Protein backbone atom coordinates (compact mmCIF):
# COMPACT_ATOMS: atom_id res chain seq x y z
CA MET A 1 -0.18 -0.01 0.26
CA ASP A 2 1.42 4.08 -0.91
CA PRO A 3 2.32 4.89 2.28
CA LYS A 4 0.98 8.43 1.17
CA SER A 5 -2.12 6.74 0.46
CA PRO A 6 -4.98 8.05 2.67
CA LEU A 7 -5.79 4.72 3.60
CA ASN A 8 -2.65 3.98 4.97
CA ARG A 9 -3.14 3.95 8.95
CA SER A 10 0.15 3.95 10.48
CA SER A 11 -0.50 7.61 11.65
CA GLY A 12 -2.81 6.45 14.03
CA ALA A 13 -4.87 7.89 12.59
CA THR A 14 -8.27 8.40 14.54
CA GLY A 15 -12.09 8.97 12.81
CA ILE A 16 -16.10 9.87 13.78
CA LEU A 17 -18.32 8.52 11.48
CA GLY A 18 -21.92 10.51 12.42
CA ILE A 19 -25.04 8.10 10.26
CA GLY A 20 -28.46 8.60 10.24
CA ASN A 21 -31.40 10.03 8.49
CA ILE A 22 -32.16 14.22 8.69
CA LEU A 23 -34.91 13.84 7.13
CA LEU A 24 -36.16 11.35 10.66
CA ARG A 25 -36.09 14.39 13.27
CA ASP A 26 -34.14 12.43 15.87
CA GLU A 27 -32.83 9.43 13.14
CA GLY A 28 -30.06 11.85 12.19
CA PHE A 29 -28.05 12.82 15.43
CA GLY A 30 -25.07 12.25 14.31
CA VAL A 31 -25.19 13.66 11.34
CA HIS A 32 -26.15 16.70 13.42
CA CYS A 33 -23.22 16.09 16.18
CA VAL A 34 -20.60 15.92 13.47
CA GLN A 35 -21.80 18.78 11.92
CA ARG A 36 -21.21 21.28 15.00
CA LEU A 37 -18.30 19.84 15.30
CA GLN A 38 -17.11 21.05 12.16
CA GLU A 39 -18.74 24.04 12.77
CA GLU A 40 -17.57 24.74 16.16
CA TYR A 41 -14.33 23.53 16.80
CA LEU A 42 -10.21 23.12 15.21
CA LEU A 43 -9.85 20.02 14.44
CA PRO A 44 -6.19 18.39 13.93
CA GLY A 45 -4.40 16.92 10.98
CA ASP A 46 -4.29 12.82 12.93
CA LEU A 47 -9.03 13.79 13.26
CA ARG A 48 -10.83 12.58 10.25
CA VAL A 49 -14.79 13.65 10.47
CA LEU A 50 -17.48 12.13 8.17
CA ASP A 51 -20.69 13.50 8.09
CA GLY A 52 -21.89 9.60 6.65
CA GLY A 53 -25.94 10.59 6.74
CA THR A 54 -26.67 7.08 5.64
CA ALA A 55 -24.52 6.53 2.74
CA GLY A 56 -23.84 2.43 3.65
CA ILE A 57 -21.28 1.29 2.17
CA MET A 58 -19.31 4.16 0.34
CA MET A 59 -18.68 5.05 4.08
CA ALA A 60 -16.09 1.87 4.07
CA PRO A 61 -13.17 3.96 2.76
CA PHE A 62 -13.05 6.08 5.24
CA MET A 63 -13.38 3.18 8.07
CA GLU A 64 -9.97 1.62 6.93
CA SER A 65 -8.52 5.73 7.02
CA VAL A 66 -8.29 5.33 10.51
CA GLN A 67 -7.14 2.96 13.71
CA THR A 68 -9.58 4.13 15.68
CA LEU A 69 -13.73 5.02 14.40
CA TYR A 70 -16.14 6.55 16.86
CA VAL A 71 -20.21 6.09 15.72
CA ILE A 72 -22.31 7.98 16.46
CA ASP A 73 -26.04 7.11 15.80
CA THR A 74 -29.17 6.17 17.35
CA ILE A 75 -30.59 3.49 19.00
CA ASN A 76 -34.14 1.92 19.78
CA LEU A 77 -33.77 0.88 23.83
CA ASP A 78 -35.85 0.54 26.49
CA HIS A 79 -34.89 3.73 27.67
CA ARG A 80 -35.78 7.37 28.06
CA PRO A 81 -35.15 9.78 25.36
CA GLY A 82 -31.76 11.17 24.85
CA THR A 83 -30.23 8.08 27.11
CA ILE A 84 -27.03 8.21 25.83
CA ARG A 85 -25.07 4.63 25.99
CA CYS A 86 -21.93 3.86 24.47
CA PHE A 87 -21.01 0.42 22.95
CA SER A 88 -17.52 -1.23 21.60
CA ASP A 89 -18.51 -2.50 17.86
CA GLN A 90 -17.96 -6.30 19.57
CA ASP A 91 -20.76 -5.62 22.85
CA ILE A 92 -22.88 -5.44 19.31
CA ARG A 93 -21.00 -8.09 17.44
CA THR A 94 -21.93 -10.51 20.54
CA GLY A 95 -25.28 -9.10 21.71
CA ASN A 96 -24.11 -7.08 24.88
CA ILE A 97 -27.05 -4.68 24.21
CA GLN A 98 -30.90 -4.94 24.98
CA GLY A 99 -31.34 -2.83 21.74
CA MET A 100 -30.79 -2.31 17.74
CA MET A 101 -29.30 0.50 16.58
CA SER A 102 -30.91 2.80 13.59
CA PRO A 103 -31.89 0.75 9.93
CA HIS A 104 -27.65 1.55 10.34
CA GLN A 105 -26.84 -1.24 12.63
CA VAL A 106 -26.99 -3.62 10.32
CA GLY A 107 -25.16 -1.87 7.76
CA LEU A 108 -22.81 -0.74 9.62
CA LEU A 109 -21.94 -4.36 10.92
CA GLU A 110 -21.36 -5.08 7.65
CA ILE A 111 -19.60 -2.89 6.78
CA LEU A 112 -17.31 -3.18 9.49
CA ALA A 113 -16.90 -7.06 8.76
CA LEU A 114 -15.84 -6.19 4.82
CA CYS A 115 -13.43 -3.88 6.57
CA ARG A 116 -11.81 -7.42 8.64
CA LEU A 117 -12.38 -9.51 5.54
CA ARG A 118 -10.31 -6.63 3.39
CA GLU A 119 -7.79 -6.70 6.80
CA ARG A 120 -8.16 -2.86 7.41
CA ALA A 121 -11.06 -2.37 9.87
CA PRO A 122 -10.25 0.04 12.68
CA GLU A 123 -8.61 -1.32 15.38
CA ARG A 124 -11.25 0.11 17.30
CA VAL A 125 -14.15 0.68 17.43
CA GLU A 126 -16.77 2.55 19.72
CA LEU A 127 -20.41 3.24 18.98
CA ILE A 128 -22.14 6.48 20.73
CA THR A 129 -25.66 6.31 20.67
CA ILE A 130 -28.53 8.31 22.04
CA VAL A 131 -32.44 6.83 22.42
CA PRO A 132 -34.11 8.84 19.79
CA ALA A 133 -37.70 10.85 20.55
CA ASP A 134 -39.26 11.83 17.13
CA ILE A 135 -38.42 10.07 14.45
CA SER A 136 -41.28 11.12 12.45
CA THR A 137 -41.02 13.31 8.90
CA GLY A 138 -39.33 16.47 9.52
CA LEU A 139 -36.04 18.21 10.03
CA GLY A 140 -34.12 18.94 12.71
CA LEU A 141 -34.39 17.35 16.43
CA SER A 142 -36.43 17.61 18.71
CA PRO A 143 -36.86 19.33 21.67
CA ALA A 144 -35.75 16.14 24.12
CA LEU A 145 -32.31 15.30 21.75
CA GLN A 146 -31.22 19.18 20.56
CA PRO A 147 -29.56 20.04 23.99
CA ARG A 148 -28.17 16.38 24.12
CA VAL A 149 -25.71 16.85 21.16
CA ALA A 150 -22.99 19.70 23.11
CA THR A 151 -23.11 16.00 25.69
CA VAL A 152 -22.30 14.15 23.23
CA LEU A 153 -19.64 16.36 21.72
CA SER A 154 -18.31 16.57 25.34
CA LEU A 155 -18.40 13.04 25.99
CA LEU A 156 -16.78 12.76 22.28
CA ARG A 157 -14.10 15.02 23.18
CA ARG A 158 -13.17 13.93 26.89
CA LYS A 159 -12.72 10.03 24.94
CA LEU A 160 -10.20 11.93 22.16
CA ALA A 161 -8.72 13.91 25.13
CA GLU A 162 -7.80 10.51 26.38
CA GLN A 163 -6.32 8.76 23.34
CA GLY A 164 -4.07 12.32 23.28
CA ILE A 165 -6.65 14.66 20.52
CA GLY A 166 -7.04 17.94 21.62
CA LEU A 167 -10.03 19.95 20.74
CA ARG A 168 -9.66 23.42 20.37
CA ALA A 169 -13.29 25.80 20.11
CA GLY A 170 -12.22 28.15 16.75
CA HIS A 171 -13.59 27.81 13.03
CA ALA A 172 -10.59 26.41 10.59
């Protein structure tokens, strides 16, 4: 593999992937998070961010380009809307959670499996999930989830800081 290729993970790059459908209100939570992250923070060069929307298999090159991957998405759990839960991809593959990710779960896990088959999967995957309040057709997050974007970004900043990646407020 070309050492200058964006798929070369030797640099230790970290990726943040927001997935969801913004036309279904809270279903687009992950996309809203990454958009706000890109608007409000200066992102270091070793941090890659993608608004994955509902891109499916088209997200594979991004996933293969990072060693650590954080995925932000919704989850269907029997918890109060706005509840935030974190899981590793191993948790989901082994059934250690009692819930279903958004409709992207199967797609996400299939993409990760494909990346593993190609021996290009991220070494570490963490899912940051939230229970939606409203997934009806419409734009914008529900009042229950709007303030949770800041909460998830704060959680993400802490996780990145543990890796030695600092985010500073500001515009690029």
